[in-house]
């Protein structure tokens, strides 16, 4: 009989210890979650602050350019007014003294050249501002694109074969936009931890671009569910080869590829992820107007 109280007391101690352990574990999980959330907030805030500073600097620079443009416009307007005055004087002088009109016309030409120079200065400053505000990316910008995607959680692996050659700016921009859209889709649908393999294969006249990701496997890794239920069948393989993938992003990539004679394909890879491929057979000599009705 005397043993029961000791047994009950021991059980109570064990239960209390278990409860305390559970409470401690809950607090630990909550603390880790809060810590991770604070780190994400701090990272987001740092990125937002950097973006704000860059925008403020850009705005200050553009504001300065606008002030210069306004000053140059005032000078140009004054020059055009002077040009009109000289032209009016030449018209009246020609009626009364044709010989003097020749000298006045010379002054009109000089005033016209001055006004033209002022207008060109205005256009130069404006175009420089536009170029700084919205530079067009090309293949040289691919490394920055990969860095941004890696920072966002996409594991980018890049491979290049063949000899790269210089392309027209329009072709480089089209390739960059296709690459950007394909990687964005990989991150959007595959999520963080997705690996995207980017491949450039240069031929004598063309280029083959492929972006293969493992978004399906990445999702399985995140959930810890990499079981046999993710295995595929022959029907899955057949559908991936025959069904047409649609969507606004896919259509835009296809249109950009076709503009430079490219053959675009996009398909899911059952059990793995998604694949985008573009083959440009004659990119080296394609100017981007083939098949375009230029007289329109």
C-alpha atoms as a PDB file:
ATOM      1  CA  UNK A   1       0.000   0.000   0.000  1.00  0.00           C
ATOM      2  CA  UNK A   2       2.841   2.378   0.805  1.00  0.00           C
ATOM      3  CA  UNK A   3       4.240   1.940  -2.728  1.00  0.00           C
ATOM      4  CA  UNK A   4       1.264   3.531  -4.517  1.00  0.00           C
ATOM      5  CA  UNK A   5       1.827   7.112  -3.378  1.00  0.00           C
ATOM      6  CA  UNK A   6       5.461   6.925  -4.462  1.00  0.00           C
ATOM      7  CA  UNK A   7       4.346   5.522  -7.830  1.00  0.00           C
ATOM      8  CA  UNK A   8       1.750   8.248  -8.250  1.00  0.00           C
ATOM      9  CA  UNK A   9       4.296  10.901  -7.305  1.00  0.00           C
ATOM     10  CA  UNK A  10       6.789   9.571  -9.815  1.00  0.00           C
ATOM     11  CA  UNK A  11       4.124   9.538 -12.533  1.00  0.00           C
ATOM     12  CA  UNK A  12       3.188  13.114 -11.719  1.00  0.00           C
ATOM     13  CA  UNK A  13       6.834  14.158 -11.983  1.00  0.00           C
ATOM     14  CA  UNK A  14       7.179  12.409 -15.355  1.00  0.00           C
ATOM     15  CA  UNK A  15       3.978  14.025 -16.645  1.00  0.00           C
ATOM     16  CA  UNK A  16       5.158  17.432 -15.443  1.00  0.00           C
ATOM     17  CA  UNK A  17       8.536  16.931 -17.074  1.00  0.00           C
ATOM     18  CA  UNK A  18       6.882  15.933 -20.342  1.00  0.00           C
ATOM     19  CA  UNK A  19       4.584  18.966 -20.208  1.00  0.00           C
ATOM     20  CA  UNK A  20       7.532  21.255 -19.512  1.00  0.00           C
ATOM     21  CA  UNK A  21       9.462  19.671 -22.388  1.00  0.00           C
ATOM     22  CA  UNK A  22       6.513  20.157 -24.737  1.00  0.00           C
ATOM     23  CA  UNK A  23       6.114  23.767 -23.608  1.00  0.00           C
ATOM     24  CA  UNK A  24       9.847  24.361 -24.086  1.00  0.00           C
ATOM     25  CA  UNK A  25       9.681  22.781 -27.544  1.00  0.00           C
ATOM     26  CA  UNK A  26       6.705  24.961 -28.487  1.00  0.00           C
ATOM     27  CA  UNK A  27       8.511  28.085 -27.309  1.00  0.00           C
ATOM     28  CA  UNK A  28      11.616  27.009 -29.225  1.00  0.00           C
ATOM     29  CA  UNK A  29       9.606  26.530 -32.429  1.00  0.00           C
ATOM     30  CA  UNK A  30       7.879  29.883 -31.937  1.00  0.00           C
ATOM     31  CA  UNK A  31      11.202  31.569 -31.261  1.00  0.00           C
ATOM     32  CA  UNK A  32      12.811  30.063 -34.369  1.00  0.00           C
ATOM     33  CA  UNK A  33       9.789  31.027 -36.462  1.00  0.00           C
ATOM     34  CA  UNK A  34       9.837  34.590 -35.135  1.00  0.00           C
ATOM     35  CA  UNK A  35      13.584  34.800 -35.680  1.00  0.00           C
ATOM     36  CA  UNK A  36      13.235  33.625 -39.270  1.00  0.00           C
ATOM     37  CA  UNK A  37      10.410  36.075 -39.851  1.00  0.00           C
ATOM     38  CA  UNK A  38      12.469  38.936 -38.430  1.00  0.00           C
ATOM     39  CA  UNK A  39      15.371  37.993 -40.690  1.00  0.00           C
ATOM     40  CA  UNK A  40      13.068  38.008 -43.721  1.00  0.00           C
ATOM     41  CA  UNK A  41      11.632  41.366 -42.672  1.00  0.00           C
ATOM     42  CA  UNK A  42      15.131  42.760 -42.180  1.00  0.00           C
ATOM     43  CA  UNK A  43      16.230  41.422 -45.576  1.00  0.00           C
ATOM     44  CA  UNK A  44      13.135  42.836 -47.256  1.00  0.00           C
ATOM     45  CA  UNK A  45      13.629  46.164 -45.500  1.00  0.00           C
ATOM     46  CA  UNK A  46      17.264  46.309 -46.571  1.00  0.00           C
ATOM     47  CA  UNK A  47      16.310  45.589 -50.165  1.00  0.00           C
ATOM     48  CA  UNK A  48      13.514  48.157 -50.053  1.00  0.00           C
ATOM     49  CA  UNK A  49      15.833  50.765 -48.538  1.00  0.00           C
ATOM     50  CA  UNK A  50      18.443  50.121 -51.227  1.00  0.00           C
ATOM     51  CA  UNK A  51      15.769  50.443 -53.919  1.00  0.00           C
ATOM     52  CA  UNK A  52      14.488  53.680 -52.344  1.00  0.00           C
ATOM     53  CA  UNK A  53      17.967  55.196 -52.323  1.00  0.00           C
ATOM     54  CA  UNK A  54      18.566  54.195 -55.941  1.00  0.00           C
ATOM     55  CA  UNK A  55      15.217  55.692 -56.956  1.00  0.00           C
ATOM     56  CA  UNK A  56      15.964  58.923 -55.106  1.00  0.00           C
ATOM     57  CA  UNK A  57      19.346  59.229 -56.821  1.00  0.00           C
ATOM     58  CA  UNK A  58      17.773  58.497 -60.192  1.00  0.00           C
ATOM     59  CA  UNK A  59      15.016  61.029 -59.519  1.00  0.00           C
ATOM     60  CA  UNK A  60      17.550  63.688 -58.517  1.00  0.00           C
ATOM     61  CA  UNK A  61      19.541  63.039 -61.671  1.00  0.00           C
ATOM     62  CA  UNK A  62      16.456  63.185 -63.895  1.00  0.00           C
ATOM     63  CA  UNK A  63      15.296  66.364 -62.140  1.00  0.00           C
ATOM     64  CA  UNK A  64      18.637  67.965 -62.923  1.00  0.00           C
ATOM     65  CA  UNK A  65      18.352  66.901 -66.538  1.00  0.00           C
ATOM     66  CA  UNK A  66      14.844  68.354 -66.765  1.00  0.00           C
ATOM     67  CA  UNK A  67      16.168  71.678 -65.457  1.00  0.00           C
ATOM     68  CA  UNK A  68      18.858  71.671 -68.139  1.00  0.00           C
ATOM     69  CA  UNK A  69      16.281  70.778 -70.789  1.00  0.00           C
ATOM     70  CA  UNK A  70      14.044  73.669 -69.689  1.00  0.00           C
ATOM     71  CA  UNK A  71      16.946  76.127 -69.920  1.00  0.00           C
ATOM     72  CA  UNK A  72      17.954  74.852 -73.354  1.00  0.00           C
ATOM     73  CA  UNK A  73      14.342  74.994 -74.509  1.00  0.00           C
ATOM     74  CA  UNK A  74      14.135  78.657 -73.479  1.00  0.00           C
ATOM     75  CA  UNK A  75      17.259  79.372 -75.509  1.00  0.00           C
ATOM     76  CA  UNK A  76      15.888  77.403 -78.477  1.00  0.00           C
ATOM     77  CA  UNK A  77      12.520  79.193 -78.361  1.00  0.00           C
ATOM     78  CA  UNK A  78      14.316  82.553 -78.251  1.00  0.00           C
ATOM     79  CA  UNK A  79      16.433  81.495 -81.233  1.00  0.00           C
ATOM     80  CA  UNK A  80      13.368  80.471 -83.224  1.00  0.00           C
ATOM     81  CA  UNK A  81      11.690  83.802 -82.404  1.00  0.00           C
ATOM     82  CA  UNK A  82      14.798  85.579 -83.675  1.00  0.00           C
ATOM     83  CA  UNK A  83      14.697  83.418 -86.793  1.00  0.00           C
ATOM     84  CA  UNK A  84      11.089  84.406 -87.477  1.00  0.00           C
ATOM     85  CA  UNK A  85      11.930  88.084 -86.981  1.00  0.00           C
ATOM     86  CA  UNK A  86      14.828  87.858 -89.431  1.00  0.00           C
ATOM     87  CA  UNK A  87      12.627  86.096 -91.960  1.00  0.00           C
ATOM     88  CA  UNK A  88       9.981  88.799 -91.683  1.00  0.00           C
ATOM     89  CA  UNK A  89      12.647  91.457 -92.127  1.00  0.00           C
ATOM     90  CA  UNK A  90      14.011  89.664 -95.182  1.00  0.00           C
ATOM     91  CA  UNK A  91      10.560  89.601 -96.755  1.00  0.00           C
ATOM     92  CA  UNK A  92      10.042  93.351 -96.344  1.00  0.00           C
ATOM     93  CA  UNK A  93      13.622  94.180 -97.372  1.00  0.00           C
ATOM     94  CA  UNK A  94      13.312  92.119-100.535  1.00  0.00           C
ATOM     95  CA  UNK A  95      10.402  94.284-101.693  1.00  0.00           C
ATOM     96  CA  UNK A  96      12.301  97.585-101.295  1.00  0.00           C
ATOM     97  CA  UNK A  97      16.004  96.697-101.526  1.00  0.00           C
ATOM     98  CA  UNK A  98      16.813  93.300-103.106  1.00  0.00           C
ATOM     99  CA  UNK A  99      20.553  93.713-102.569  1.00  0.00           C
ATOM    100  CA  UNK A 100      20.125  94.219 -98.846  1.00  0.00           C
ATOM    101  CA  UNK A 101      17.794  91.225 -98.717  1.00  0.00           C
ATOM    102  CA  UNK A 102      20.710  88.939 -99.568  1.00  0.00           C
ATOM    103  CA  UNK A 103      22.550  90.031 -96.414  1.00  0.00           C
ATOM    104  CA  UNK A 104      19.378  89.602 -94.348  1.00  0.00           C
ATOM    105  CA  UNK A 105      18.844  86.085 -95.730  1.00  0.00           C
ATOM    106  CA  UNK A 106      22.365  85.232 -94.641  1.00  0.00           C
ATOM    107  CA  UNK A 107      21.427  86.295 -91.131  1.00  0.00           C
ATOM    108  CA  UNK A 108      18.313  84.094 -91.337  1.00  0.00           C
ATOM    109  CA  UNK A 109      20.489  81.096 -92.223  1.00  0.00           C
ATOM    110  CA  UNK A 110      22.832  81.790 -89.307  1.00  0.00           C
ATOM    111  CA  UNK A 111      19.888  82.159 -86.906  1.00  0.00           C
ATOM    112  CA  UNK A 112      18.433  78.918 -88.244  1.00  0.00           C
ATOM    113  CA  UNK A 113      21.670  77.018 -87.646  1.00  0.00           C
ATOM    114  CA  UNK A 114      21.871  78.395 -84.097  1.00  0.00           C
ATOM    115  CA  UNK A 115      18.276  77.356 -83.370  1.00  0.00           C
ATOM    116  CA  UNK A 116      18.926  73.889 -84.851  1.00  0.00           C
ATOM    117  CA  UNK A 117      22.012  73.480 -82.642  1.00  0.00           C
ATOM    118  CA  UNK A 118      20.015  74.448 -79.551  1.00  0.00           C
ATOM    119  CA  UNK A 119      17.288  71.933 -80.391  1.00  0.00           C
ATOM    120  CA  UNK A 120      19.868  69.200 -80.916  1.00  0.00           C
ATOM    121  CA  UNK A 121      21.323  69.956 -77.493  1.00  0.00           C
ATOM    122  CA  UNK A 122      17.849  69.540 -75.984  1.00  0.00           C
ATOM    123  CA  UNK A 123      17.370  66.193 -77.750  1.00  0.00           C
ATOM    124  CA  UNK A 124      20.835  64.990 -76.718  1.00  0.00           C
ATOM    125  CA  UNK A 125      20.200  65.666 -73.026  1.00  0.00           C
ATOM    126  CA  UNK A 126      16.732  64.081 -73.233  1.00  0.00           C
ATOM    127  CA  UNK A 127      18.009  60.950 -74.973  1.00  0.00           C
ATOM    128  CA  UNK A 128      20.878  60.547 -72.512  1.00  0.00           C
ATOM    129  CA  UNK A 129      18.312  60.673 -69.707  1.00  0.00           C
ATOM    130  CA  UNK A 130      16.146  58.062 -71.408  1.00  0.00           C
ATOM    131  CA  UNK A 131      19.131  55.784 -71.934  1.00  0.00           C
ATOM    132  CA  UNK A 132      20.097  56.019 -68.257  1.00  0.00           C
ATOM    133  CA  UNK A 133      16.518  55.557 -67.075  1.00  0.00           C
ATOM    134  CA  UNK A 134      15.763  52.487 -69.164  1.00  0.00           C
ATOM    135  CA  UNK A 135      18.867  50.777 -70.564  1.00  0.00           C
ATOM    136  CA  UNK A 136      18.101  47.813 -72.799  1.00  0.00           C
ATOM    137  CA  UNK A 137      19.588  44.587 -71.415  1.00  0.00           C
ATOM    138  CA  UNK A 138      21.483  42.114 -73.558  1.00  0.00           C
ATOM    139  CA  UNK A 139      23.501  38.945 -73.127  1.00  0.00           C
ATOM    140  CA  UNK A 140      26.033  40.885 -71.031  1.00  0.00           C
ATOM    141  CA  UNK A 141      23.217  41.333 -68.478  1.00  0.00           C
ATOM    142  CA  UNK A 142      22.650  37.571 -68.078  1.00  0.00           C
ATOM    143  CA  UNK A 143      25.049  37.307 -65.115  1.00  0.00           C
ATOM    144  CA  UNK A 144      23.114  39.984 -63.240  1.00  0.00           C
ATOM    145  CA  UNK A 145      19.874  38.152 -64.054  1.00  0.00           C
ATOM    146  CA  UNK A 146      21.309  34.909 -62.676  1.00  0.00           C
ATOM    147  CA  UNK A 147      22.418  36.700 -59.511  1.00  0.00           C
ATOM    148  CA  UNK A 148      18.969  38.196 -58.947  1.00  0.00           C
ATOM    149  CA  UNK A 149      17.317  34.811 -59.477  1.00  0.00           C
ATOM    150  CA  UNK A 150      19.747  33.105 -57.090  1.00  0.00           C
ATOM    151  CA  UNK A 151      19.022  35.733 -54.448  1.00  0.00           C
ATOM    152  CA  UNK A 152      15.314  34.976 -54.897  1.00  0.00           C
ATOM    153  CA  UNK A 153      15.884  31.271 -54.205  1.00  0.00           C
ATOM    154  CA  UNK A 154      16.412  29.759 -57.671  1.00  0.00           C
ATOM    155  CA  UNK A 155      19.532  27.634 -58.128  1.00  0.00           C
ATOM    156  CA  UNK A 156      20.811  28.615 -61.573  1.00  0.00           C
ATOM    157  CA  UNK A 157      23.424  26.480 -63.351  1.00  0.00           C
ATOM    158  CA  UNK A 158      24.812  27.942 -66.572  1.00  0.00           C
ATOM    159  CA  UNK A 159      26.602  26.063 -69.352  1.00  0.00           C
ATOM    160  CA  UNK A 160      27.850  27.424 -72.672  1.00  0.00           C
ATOM    161  CA  UNK A 161      29.325  25.616 -75.648  1.00  0.00           C
ATOM    162  CA  UNK A 162      30.607  26.841 -78.991  1.00  0.00           C
ATOM    163  CA  UNK A 163      32.010  30.214 -79.967  1.00  0.00           C
ATOM    164  CA  UNK A 164      29.877  33.226 -79.113  1.00  0.00           C
ATOM    165  CA  UNK A 165      29.637  35.949 -81.739  1.00  0.00           C
ATOM    166  CA  UNK A 166      28.250  39.455 -81.765  1.00  0.00           C
ATOM    167  CA  UNK A 167      24.494  39.802 -82.278  1.00  0.00           C
ATOM    168  CA  UNK A 168      22.269  42.700 -83.170  1.00  0.00           C
ATOM    169  CA  UNK A 169      20.878  44.535 -80.109  1.00  0.00           C
ATOM    170  CA  UNK A 170      17.322  43.466 -80.961  1.00  0.00           C
ATOM    171  CA  UNK A 171      18.296  39.798 -81.041  1.00  0.00           C
ATOM    172  CA  UNK A 172      20.156  40.071 -77.736  1.00  0.00           C
ATOM    173  CA  UNK A 173      17.169  41.754 -76.129  1.00  0.00           C
ATOM    174  CA  UNK A 174      14.802  39.017 -77.387  1.00  0.00           C
ATOM    175  CA  UNK A 175      17.059  36.253 -76.018  1.00  0.00           C
ATOM    176  CA  UNK A 176      17.391  38.044 -72.690  1.00  0.00           C
ATOM    177  CA  UNK A 177      13.624  38.469 -72.337  1.00  0.00           C
ATOM    178  CA  UNK A 178      13.030  34.792 -73.161  1.00  0.00           C
ATOM    179  CA  UNK A 179      15.631  33.767 -70.586  1.00  0.00           C
ATOM    180  CA  UNK A 180      14.153  36.131 -68.006  1.00  0.00           C
ATOM    181  CA  UNK A 181      10.614  34.821 -68.543  1.00  0.00           C
ATOM    182  CA  UNK A 182      11.704  31.168 -68.430  1.00  0.00           C
ATOM    183  CA  UNK A 183      13.616  31.611 -65.154  1.00  0.00           C
ATOM    184  CA  UNK A 184      10.765  33.619 -63.641  1.00  0.00           C
ATOM    185  CA  UNK A 185       8.361  30.775 -64.475  1.00  0.00           C
ATOM    186  CA  UNK A 186      10.745  28.248 -62.912  1.00  0.00           C
ATOM    187  CA  UNK A 187      10.832  30.245 -59.684  1.00  0.00           C
ATOM    188  CA  UNK A 188       7.090  30.957 -59.720  1.00  0.00           C
ATOM    189  CA  UNK A 189       5.935  27.388 -60.291  1.00  0.00           C
ATOM    190  CA  UNK A 190       8.834  25.461 -58.755  1.00  0.00           C
ATOM    191  CA  UNK A 191       9.439  27.650 -55.708  1.00  0.00           C
ATOM    192  CA  UNK A 192      12.593  28.194 -53.693  1.00  0.00           C
ATOM    193  CA  UNK A 193      15.215  25.493 -54.062  1.00  0.00           C
ATOM    194  CA  UNK A 194      14.322  24.756 -57.672  1.00  0.00           C
ATOM    195  CA  UNK A 195      17.347  24.162 -59.885  1.00  0.00           C
ATOM    196  CA  UNK A 196      17.274  25.675 -63.378  1.00  0.00           C
ATOM    197  CA  UNK A 197      19.897  24.555 -65.873  1.00  0.00           C
ATOM    198  CA  UNK A 198      20.542  27.185 -68.551  1.00  0.00           C
ATOM    199  CA  UNK A 199      22.386  26.118 -71.665  1.00  0.00           C
ATOM    200  CA  UNK A 200      23.696  28.150 -74.611  1.00  0.00           C
ATOM    201  CA  UNK A 201      24.949  26.118 -77.568  1.00  0.00           C
ATOM    202  CA  UNK A 202      26.426  28.274 -80.337  1.00  0.00           C
ATOM    203  CA  UNK A 203      26.692  26.909 -83.857  1.00  0.00           C
ATOM    204  CA  UNK A 204      28.206  28.435 -86.964  1.00  0.00           C
ATOM    205  CA  UNK A 205      25.068  30.439 -87.757  1.00  0.00           C
ATOM    206  CA  UNK A 206      22.676  29.904 -84.858  1.00  0.00           C
ATOM    207  CA  UNK A 207      22.029  29.373 -81.192  1.00  0.00           C
ATOM    208  CA  UNK A 208      20.111  26.867 -79.098  1.00  0.00           C
ATOM    209  CA  UNK A 209      18.866  28.076 -75.728  1.00  0.00           C
ATOM    210  CA  UNK A 210      17.408  25.685 -73.156  1.00  0.00           C
ATOM    211  CA  UNK A 211      16.144  26.171 -69.614  1.00  0.00           C
ATOM    212  CA  UNK A 212      15.352  22.941 -67.737  1.00  0.00           C
ATOM    213  CA  UNK A 213      14.122  23.032 -64.149  1.00  0.00           C
ATOM    214  CA  UNK A 214      13.265  20.415 -61.518  1.00  0.00           C
ATOM    215  CA  UNK A 215      10.291  22.268 -60.015  1.00  0.00           C
ATOM    216  CA  UNK A 216       8.267  19.101 -59.343  1.00  0.00           C
ATOM    217  CA  UNK A 217      11.166  17.433 -57.531  1.00  0.00           C
ATOM    218  CA  UNK A 218      11.899  20.635 -55.619  1.00  0.00           C
ATOM    219  CA  UNK A 219       8.307  20.740 -54.345  1.00  0.00           C
ATOM    220  CA  UNK A 220       8.622  17.102 -53.278  1.00  0.00           C
ATOM    221  CA  UNK A 221      11.877  17.846 -51.455  1.00  0.00           C
ATOM    222  CA  UNK A 222      10.294  20.733 -49.561  1.00  0.00           C
ATOM    223  CA  UNK A 223       7.380  18.560 -48.381  1.00  0.00           C
ATOM    224  CA  UNK A 224       9.586  15.542 -47.725  1.00  0.00           C
ATOM    225  CA  UNK A 225       7.342  13.486 -50.013  1.00  0.00           C
ATOM    226  CA  UNK A 226       9.700  11.920 -52.526  1.00  0.00           C
ATOM    227  CA  UNK A 227       7.816   8.625 -52.666  1.00  0.00           C
ATOM    228  CA  UNK A 228       6.914   6.409 -55.570  1.00  0.00           C
ATOM    229  CA  UNK A 229       3.668   8.299 -56.133  1.00  0.00           C
ATOM    230  CA  UNK A 230       5.745  10.822 -58.072  1.00  0.00           C
ATOM    231  CA  UNK A 231       6.737   8.191 -60.611  1.00  0.00           C
ATOM    232  CA  UNK A 232       5.377   8.723 -64.097  1.00  0.00           C
ATOM    233  CA  UNK A 233       3.681   6.595 -66.698  1.00  0.00           C
ATOM    234  CA  UNK A 234       3.859   6.327 -70.457  1.00  0.00           C
ATOM    235  CA  UNK A 235       0.648   8.361 -70.695  1.00  0.00           C
ATOM    236  CA  UNK A 236       2.292  11.192 -68.746  1.00  0.00           C
ATOM    237  CA  UNK A 237       5.236  11.182 -71.139  1.00  0.00           C
ATOM    238  CA  UNK A 238       2.925  11.115 -74.150  1.00  0.00           C
ATOM    239  CA  UNK A 239       0.871  14.054 -72.880  1.00  0.00           C
ATOM    240  CA  UNK A 240       3.999  16.123 -72.223  1.00  0.00           C
ATOM    241  CA  UNK A 241       5.096  15.588 -75.826  1.00  0.00           C
ATOM    242  CA  UNK A 242       1.730  16.179 -77.523  1.00  0.00           C
ATOM    243  CA  UNK A 243      -0.147  18.737 -75.445  1.00  0.00           C
ATOM    244  CA  UNK A 244       0.356  22.424 -76.214  1.00  0.00           C
ATOM    245  CA  UNK A 245       1.344  24.581 -73.257  1.00  0.00           C
ATOM    246  CA  UNK A 246      -0.437  27.953 -73.251  1.00  0.00           C
ATOM    247  CA  UNK A 247      -0.276  31.135 -71.224  1.00  0.00           C
ATOM    248  CA  UNK A 248       0.598  34.800 -71.647  1.00  0.00           C
ATOM    249  CA  UNK A 249       4.255  34.298 -70.750  1.00  0.00           C
ATOM    250  CA  UNK A 250       4.595  31.306 -73.082  1.00  0.00           C
ATOM    251  CA  UNK A 251       2.988  33.230 -75.950  1.00  0.00           C
ATOM    252  CA  UNK A 252       5.310  36.196 -75.475  1.00  0.00           C
ATOM    253  CA  UNK A 253       8.385  33.952 -75.451  1.00  0.00           C
ATOM    254  CA  UNK A 254       7.173  32.213 -78.615  1.00  0.00           C
ATOM    255  CA  UNK A 255       6.538  35.542 -80.369  1.00  0.00           C
ATOM    256  CA  UNK A 256       9.987  36.867 -79.448  1.00  0.00           C
ATOM    257  CA  UNK A 257      11.599  33.679 -80.748  1.00  0.00           C
ATOM    258  CA  UNK A 258       9.649  33.683 -84.019  1.00  0.00           C
ATOM    259  CA  UNK A 259      10.593  37.318 -84.670  1.00  0.00           C
ATOM    260  CA  UNK A 260      14.195  36.165 -85.135  1.00  0.00           C
ATOM    261  CA  UNK A 261      13.409  32.914 -86.936  1.00  0.00           C
ATOM    262  CA  UNK A 262      13.451  30.790 -83.784  1.00  0.00           C
ATOM    263  CA  UNK A 263      11.572  27.562 -83.106  1.00  0.00           C
ATOM    264  CA  UNK A 264      10.108  27.640 -79.593  1.00  0.00           C
ATOM    265  CA  UNK A 265       9.002  24.655 -77.505  1.00  0.00           C
ATOM    266  CA  UNK A 266       7.799  24.468 -73.921  1.00  0.00           C
ATOM    267  CA  UNK A 267       6.672  21.313 -72.169  1.00  0.00           C
ATOM    268  CA  UNK A 268       6.389  19.772 -68.721  1.00  0.00           C
ATOM    269  CA  UNK A 269       8.789  16.959 -67.865  1.00  0.00           C
ATOM    270  CA  UNK A 270       6.713  14.429 -65.861  1.00  0.00           C
ATOM    271  CA  UNK A 271       8.062  13.838 -62.396  1.00  0.00           C
ATOM    272  CA  UNK A 272      10.843  16.400 -62.875  1.00  0.00           C
ATOM    273  CA  UNK A 273       9.761  19.925 -63.817  1.00  0.00           C
ATOM    274  CA  UNK A 274       9.521  22.071 -66.930  1.00  0.00           C
ATOM    275  CA  UNK A 275      11.605  22.620 -70.043  1.00  0.00           C
ATOM    276  CA  UNK A 276      11.865  25.603 -72.395  1.00  0.00           C
ATOM    277  CA  UNK A 277      13.871  25.356 -75.602  1.00  0.00           C
ATOM    278  CA  UNK A 278      14.485  27.808 -78.449  1.00  0.00           C
ATOM    279  CA  UNK A 279      16.463  27.012 -81.576  1.00  0.00           C
ATOM    280  CA  UNK A 280      17.609  29.932 -83.750  1.00  0.00           C
ATOM    281  CA  UNK A 281      18.944  28.350 -86.975  1.00  0.00           C
ATOM    282  CA  UNK A 282      20.249  31.579 -88.550  1.00  0.00           C
ATOM    283  CA  UNK A 283      20.451  34.055 -85.687  1.00  0.00           C
ATOM    284  CA  UNK A 284      23.819  35.349 -86.835  1.00  0.00           C
ATOM    285  CA  UNK A 285      22.308  36.797 -90.016  1.00  0.00           C
ATOM    286  CA  UNK A 286      18.688  37.334 -88.952  1.00  0.00           C
ATOM    287  CA  UNK A 287      17.782  41.003 -88.578  1.00  0.00           C
ATOM    288  CA  UNK A 288      14.396  40.547 -86.951  1.00  0.00           C
ATOM    289  CA  UNK A 289      12.270  41.741 -89.880  1.00  0.00           C
ATOM    290  CA  UNK A 290      11.858  38.422 -91.688  1.00  0.00           C
ATOM    291  CA  UNK A 291       8.181  37.718 -92.184  1.00  0.00           C
ATOM    292  CA  UNK A 292       7.207  41.242 -91.096  1.00  0.00           C
ATOM    293  CA  UNK A 293       5.095  43.352 -93.461  1.00  0.00           C
ATOM    294  CA  UNK A 294       7.343  46.437 -93.477  1.00  0.00           C
ATOM    295  CA  UNK A 295       5.185  48.651 -95.794  1.00  0.00           C
ATOM    296  CA  UNK A 296       2.309  48.574 -93.269  1.00  0.00           C
END
